[in-house]
Amino acid sequence: MKPQQFLTRIRIYIWIIIIGLFISGATAFPLETELAYFYQHIQIFPTGMQGWLTTIYEAIRSTNARYPYLSYGTDWLAFAHLVLAVLFIGPLKDPVKNIWIIQFGMIACVLIFPLAFIAGPVRHIPLFWRFVDCSFGVIGIVPLWLAYRATRKLEAAGIIK
């Protein structure tokens, strides 16, 4: 494969990560609105998930009504996703020089698992939802690993850009 083909593939994989992080961040701002929509269409979800969504919607709705400043925490979560998306511009420009960012992303994907399975029970998160959370790590590590592998091949070929 030619160096330009490696670079094109790397950029596609990195764009997948950037878009995923951007969507995750952008959708974390309007949580109550999103949950209200899902609550209005609760019948489309499996029975076991309906109770969970109802509980979460009611918790966020009542908390926002009484203590809206607590949602500032999820605003920061959203902001962090957007900032992380910006971080991946480095590998878009020069993947070899910025391979550490790809490695950082892979480490973050792996660390989702201990967070979900340590903090999840403490916060009374149902097991099925912890698996949903972990799926982001599984899905995210695939394009990152492919980008990492292609970047190493690009590096071995002596191509910097």
C-alpha atoms as a PDB file:
ATOM      1  CA  MET A   1       0.000   0.000   0.000  1.00  0.00           C
ATOM      2  CA  LYS A   2       1.228   3.498  -0.828  1.00  0.00           C
ATOM      3  CA  PRO A   3       1.918   6.003   1.976  1.00  0.00           C
ATOM      4  CA  GLN A   4      -0.915   8.253   0.773  1.00  0.00           C
ATOM      5  CA  GLN A   5      -3.336   5.321   1.093  1.00  0.00           C
ATOM      6  CA  PHE A   6      -2.207   4.749   4.689  1.00  0.00           C
ATOM      7  CA  LEU A   7      -2.689   8.433   5.409  1.00  0.00           C
ATOM      8  CA  THR A   8      -6.181   8.421   3.887  1.00  0.00           C
ATOM      9  CA  ARG A   9      -7.207   5.410   5.963  1.00  0.00           C
ATOM     10  CA  ILE A  10      -5.791   6.910   9.141  1.00  0.00           C
ATOM     11  CA  ARG A  11      -7.725  10.115   8.515  1.00  0.00           C
ATOM     12  CA  ILE A  12     -10.970   8.206   7.955  1.00  0.00           C
ATOM     13  CA  TYR A  13     -10.492   6.304  11.232  1.00  0.00           C
ATOM     14  CA  ILE A  14      -9.681   9.501  13.112  1.00  0.00           C
ATOM     15  CA  TRP A  15     -12.701  11.288  11.618  1.00  0.00           C
ATOM     16  CA  ILE A  16     -14.884   8.462  12.918  1.00  0.00           C
ATOM     17  CA  ILE A  17     -13.531   9.150  16.418  1.00  0.00           C
ATOM     18  CA  ILE A  18     -13.903  12.931  16.098  1.00  0.00           C
ATOM     19  CA  ILE A  19     -17.494  12.654  14.871  1.00  0.00           C
ATOM     20  CA  GLY A  20     -18.335  10.112  17.595  1.00  0.00           C
ATOM     21  CA  LEU A  21     -16.908  12.343  20.314  1.00  0.00           C
ATOM     22  CA  PHE A  22     -18.676  15.382  18.891  1.00  0.00           C
ATOM     23  CA  ILE A  23     -22.036  13.589  18.804  1.00  0.00           C
ATOM     24  CA  SER A  24     -21.500  12.261  22.343  1.00  0.00           C
ATOM     25  CA  GLY A  25     -20.699  15.744  23.563  1.00  0.00           C
ATOM     26  CA  ALA A  26     -23.459  17.552  21.711  1.00  0.00           C
ATOM     27  CA  THR A  27     -26.100  15.094  22.904  1.00  0.00           C
ATOM     28  CA  ALA A  28     -25.029  15.389  26.548  1.00  0.00           C
ATOM     29  CA  PHE A  29     -26.199  19.015  26.778  1.00  0.00           C
ATOM     30  CA  PRO A  30     -29.973  18.515  26.240  1.00  0.00           C
ATOM     31  CA  LEU A  31     -30.391  15.387  28.385  1.00  0.00           C
ATOM     32  CA  GLU A  32     -33.780  16.310  29.805  1.00  0.00           C
ATOM     33  CA  THR A  33     -35.185  17.152  26.366  1.00  0.00           C
ATOM     34  CA  GLU A  34     -33.852  13.919  24.875  1.00  0.00           C
ATOM     35  CA  LEU A  35     -35.172  11.845  27.752  1.00  0.00           C
ATOM     36  CA  ALA A  36     -38.577  13.563  27.486  1.00  0.00           C
ATOM     37  CA  TYR A  37     -38.730  12.455  23.840  1.00  0.00           C
ATOM     38  CA  PHE A  38     -37.793   8.878  24.740  1.00  0.00           C
ATOM     39  CA  TYR A  39     -40.266   8.921  27.612  1.00  0.00           C
ATOM     40  CA  GLN A  40     -43.047   9.953  25.205  1.00  0.00           C
ATOM     41  CA  HIS A  41     -42.078   6.991  22.991  1.00  0.00           C
ATOM     42  CA  ILE A  42     -41.260   4.566  25.814  1.00  0.00           C
ATOM     43  CA  GLN A  43     -43.108   1.687  24.133  1.00  0.00           C
ATOM     44  CA  ILE A  44     -40.351   1.329  21.505  1.00  0.00           C
ATOM     45  CA  PHE A  45     -37.929   0.143  24.190  1.00  0.00           C
ATOM     46  CA  PRO A  46     -37.726  -3.340  25.705  1.00  0.00           C
ATOM     47  CA  THR A  47     -39.798  -3.734  28.873  1.00  0.00           C
ATOM     48  CA  GLY A  48     -36.733  -3.985  31.135  1.00  0.00           C
ATOM     49  CA  MET A  49     -35.370  -0.730  29.789  1.00  0.00           C
ATOM     50  CA  GLN A  50     -38.660   1.172  30.079  1.00  0.00           C
ATOM     51  CA  GLY A  51     -38.495   1.283  33.869  1.00  0.00           C
ATOM     52  CA  TRP A  52     -34.900   2.451  33.818  1.00  0.00           C
ATOM     53  CA  LEU A  53     -35.618   5.233  31.302  1.00  0.00           C
ATOM     54  CA  THR A  54     -38.665   6.327  33.277  1.00  0.00           C
ATOM     55  CA  THR A  55     -36.627   6.487  36.480  1.00  0.00           C
ATOM     56  CA  ILE A  56     -33.819   8.432  34.827  1.00  0.00           C
ATOM     57  CA  TYR A  57     -36.198  10.874  33.124  1.00  0.00           C
ATOM     58  CA  GLU A  58     -38.099  11.547  36.351  1.00  0.00           C
ATOM     59  CA  ALA A  59     -34.840  11.989  38.287  1.00  0.00           C
ATOM     60  CA  ILE A  60     -33.391  14.470  35.811  1.00  0.00           C
ATOM     61  CA  ARG A  61     -36.688  16.346  35.396  1.00  0.00           C
ATOM     62  CA  SER A  62     -37.265  16.744  39.128  1.00  0.00           C
ATOM     63  CA  THR A  63     -33.615  17.528  39.862  1.00  0.00           C
ATOM     64  CA  ASN A  64     -33.490  20.171  37.116  1.00  0.00           C
ATOM     65  CA  ALA A  65     -36.710  21.707  38.436  1.00  0.00           C
ATOM     66  CA  ARG A  66     -35.305  22.060  41.954  1.00  0.00           C
ATOM     67  CA  TYR A  67     -31.535  22.140  41.451  1.00  0.00           C
ATOM     68  CA  PRO A  68     -30.738  23.110  37.837  1.00  0.00           C
ATOM     69  CA  TYR A  69     -27.113  23.868  38.707  1.00  0.00           C
ATOM     70  CA  LEU A  70     -26.424  20.133  39.135  1.00  0.00           C
ATOM     71  CA  SER A  71     -26.773  19.711  35.363  1.00  0.00           C
ATOM     72  CA  TYR A  72     -23.726  21.915  35.040  1.00  0.00           C
ATOM     73  CA  GLY A  73     -21.783  18.702  35.730  1.00  0.00           C
ATOM     74  CA  THR A  74     -23.148  17.068  32.591  1.00  0.00           C
ATOM     75  CA  ASP A  75     -22.410  20.292  30.701  1.00  0.00           C
ATOM     76  CA  TRP A  76     -18.773  19.790  31.656  1.00  0.00           C
ATOM     77  CA  LEU A  77     -19.006  16.154  30.564  1.00  0.00           C
ATOM     78  CA  ALA A  78     -20.307  17.344  27.200  1.00  0.00           C
ATOM     79  CA  PHE A  79     -17.577  19.966  26.978  1.00  0.00           C
ATOM     80  CA  ALA A  80     -14.915  17.341  27.725  1.00  0.00           C
ATOM     81  CA  HIS A  81     -16.130  15.239  24.798  1.00  0.00           C
ATOM     82  CA  LEU A  82     -15.909  18.254  22.496  1.00  0.00           C
ATOM     83  CA  VAL A  83     -12.402  19.088  23.737  1.00  0.00           C
ATOM     84  CA  LEU A  84     -11.312  15.484  23.224  1.00  0.00           C
ATOM     85  CA  ALA A  85     -12.650  15.658  19.665  1.00  0.00           C
ATOM     86  CA  VAL A  86     -10.411  18.688  19.071  1.00  0.00           C
ATOM     87  CA  LEU A  87      -7.439  16.753  20.492  1.00  0.00           C
ATOM     88  CA  PHE A  88      -7.685  14.293  17.601  1.00  0.00           C
ATOM     89  CA  ILE A  89      -6.984  17.025  15.054  1.00  0.00           C
ATOM     90  CA  GLY A  90      -3.296  16.374  15.819  1.00  0.00           C
ATOM     91  CA  PRO A  91      -3.303  12.865  14.291  1.00  0.00           C
ATOM     92  CA  LEU A  92      -5.290  14.176  11.320  1.00  0.00           C
ATOM     93  CA  LYS A  93      -2.434  16.569  10.542  1.00  0.00           C
ATOM     94  CA  ASP A  94       0.489  14.306  11.386  1.00  0.00           C
ATOM     95  CA  PRO A  95      -0.384  10.834  12.687  1.00  0.00           C
ATOM     96  CA  VAL A  96       3.207   9.703  13.191  1.00  0.00           C
ATOM     97  CA  LYS A  97       4.151  12.729  15.292  1.00  0.00           C
ATOM     98  CA  ASN A  98       0.858  12.528  17.211  1.00  0.00           C
ATOM     99  CA  ILE A  99       0.574   8.763  17.632  1.00  0.00           C
ATOM    100  CA  TRP A 100       0.480   9.329  21.399  1.00  0.00           C
ATOM    101  CA  ILE A 101      -3.004  10.811  20.963  1.00  0.00           C
ATOM    102  CA  ILE A 102      -4.181   7.635  19.244  1.00  0.00           C
ATOM    103  CA  GLN A 103      -2.611   5.617  22.076  1.00  0.00           C
ATOM    104  CA  PHE A 104      -4.311   7.893  24.621  1.00  0.00           C
ATOM    105  CA  GLY A 105      -7.655   7.227  22.926  1.00  0.00           C
ATOM    106  CA  MET A 106      -7.112   3.460  23.075  1.00  0.00           C
ATOM    107  CA  ILE A 107      -6.205   3.670  26.765  1.00  0.00           C
ATOM    108  CA  ALA A 108      -9.341   5.725  27.430  1.00  0.00           C
ATOM    109  CA  CYS A 109     -11.456   3.085  25.634  1.00  0.00           C
ATOM    110  CA  VAL A 110     -10.002   0.338  27.845  1.00  0.00           C
ATOM    111  CA  LEU A 111     -10.484   2.403  31.023  1.00  0.00           C
ATOM    112  CA  ILE A 112     -14.222   2.635  30.359  1.00  0.00           C
ATOM    113  CA  PHE A 113     -14.530  -0.951  31.630  1.00  0.00           C
ATOM    114  CA  PRO A 114     -13.185  -0.498  35.174  1.00  0.00           C
ATOM    115  CA  LEU A 115     -15.125   2.750  35.518  1.00  0.00           C
ATOM    116  CA  ALA A 116     -18.383   1.085  34.478  1.00  0.00           C
ATOM    117  CA  PHE A 117     -17.890  -1.949  36.681  1.00  0.00           C
ATOM    118  CA  ILE A 118     -16.553  -0.119  39.747  1.00  0.00           C
ATOM    119  CA  ALA A 119     -18.628   3.069  39.756  1.00  0.00           C
ATOM    120  CA  GLY A 120     -21.694   1.444  38.175  1.00  0.00           C
ATOM    121  CA  PRO A 121     -22.709  -0.620  41.208  1.00  0.00           C
ATOM    122  CA  VAL A 122     -21.879   2.244  43.567  1.00  0.00           C
ATOM    123  CA  ARG A 123     -24.232   4.527  41.584  1.00  0.00           C
ATOM    124  CA  HIS A 124     -26.874   1.776  41.222  1.00  0.00           C
ATOM    125  CA  ILE A 125     -26.491   1.574  37.445  1.00  0.00           C
ATOM    126  CA  PRO A 126     -28.136  -1.599  36.104  1.00  0.00           C
ATOM    127  CA  LEU A 127     -25.836  -4.201  34.577  1.00  0.00           C
ATOM    128  CA  PHE A 128     -27.352  -3.871  31.102  1.00  0.00           C
ATOM    129  CA  TRP A 129     -26.580  -0.127  31.108  1.00  0.00           C
ATOM    130  CA  ARG A 130     -22.986  -0.765  32.180  1.00  0.00           C
ATOM    131  CA  PHE A 131     -22.656  -2.955  29.095  1.00  0.00           C
ATOM    132  CA  VAL A 132     -24.092  -0.120  26.993  1.00  0.00           C
ATOM    133  CA  ASP A 133     -21.441   2.194  28.457  1.00  0.00           C
ATOM    134  CA  CYS A 134     -18.718  -0.376  27.762  1.00  0.00           C
ATOM    135  CA  SER A 135     -19.856  -0.668  24.155  1.00  0.00           C
ATOM    136  CA  PHE A 136     -18.452   2.832  23.560  1.00  0.00           C
ATOM    137  CA  GLY A 137     -15.017   1.528  24.504  1.00  0.00           C
ATOM    138  CA  VAL A 138     -15.393  -1.515  22.270  1.00  0.00           C
ATOM    139  CA  ILE A 139     -16.642   0.530  19.329  1.00  0.00           C
ATOM    140  CA  GLY A 140     -14.114   3.322  19.843  1.00  0.00           C
ATOM    141  CA  ILE A 141     -11.050   1.134  20.090  1.00  0.00           C
ATOM    142  CA  VAL A 142     -11.618  -0.428  16.654  1.00  0.00           C
ATOM    143  CA  PRO A 143     -10.943   2.656  14.495  1.00  0.00           C
ATOM    144  CA  LEU A 144      -8.239   3.764  16.923  1.00  0.00           C
ATOM    145  CA  TRP A 145      -6.457   0.415  16.671  1.00  0.00           C
ATOM    146  CA  LEU A 146      -6.742   0.491  12.876  1.00  0.00           C
ATOM    147  CA  ALA A 147      -5.360   4.055  12.859  1.00  0.00           C
ATOM    148  CA  TYR A 148      -2.567   3.024  15.213  1.00  0.00           C
ATOM    149  CA  ARG A 149      -1.606   0.039  13.083  1.00  0.00           C
ATOM    150  CA  ALA A 150      -1.643   2.088   9.857  1.00  0.00           C
ATOM    151  CA  THR A 151       0.363   4.857  11.551  1.00  0.00           C
ATOM    152  CA  ARG A 152       3.033   2.356  12.608  1.00  0.00           C
ATOM    153  CA  LYS A 153       3.250   1.123   9.004  1.00  0.00           C
ATOM    154  CA  LEU A 154       3.486   4.713   7.781  1.00  0.00           C
ATOM    155  CA  GLU A 155       6.242   5.347  10.309  1.00  0.00           C
ATOM    156  CA  ALA A 156       8.109   2.212   9.238  1.00  0.00           C
ATOM    157  CA  ALA A 157       7.982   3.435   5.657  1.00  0.00           C
ATOM    158  CA  GLY A 158       9.756   6.619   6.805  1.00  0.00           C
ATOM    159  CA  ILE A 159       6.845   8.865   5.867  1.00  0.00           C
ATOM    160  CA  ILE A 160       6.091  11.651   8.310  1.00  0.00           C
ATOM    161  CA  LYS A 161       3.197  13.388   6.515  1.00  0.00           C
END
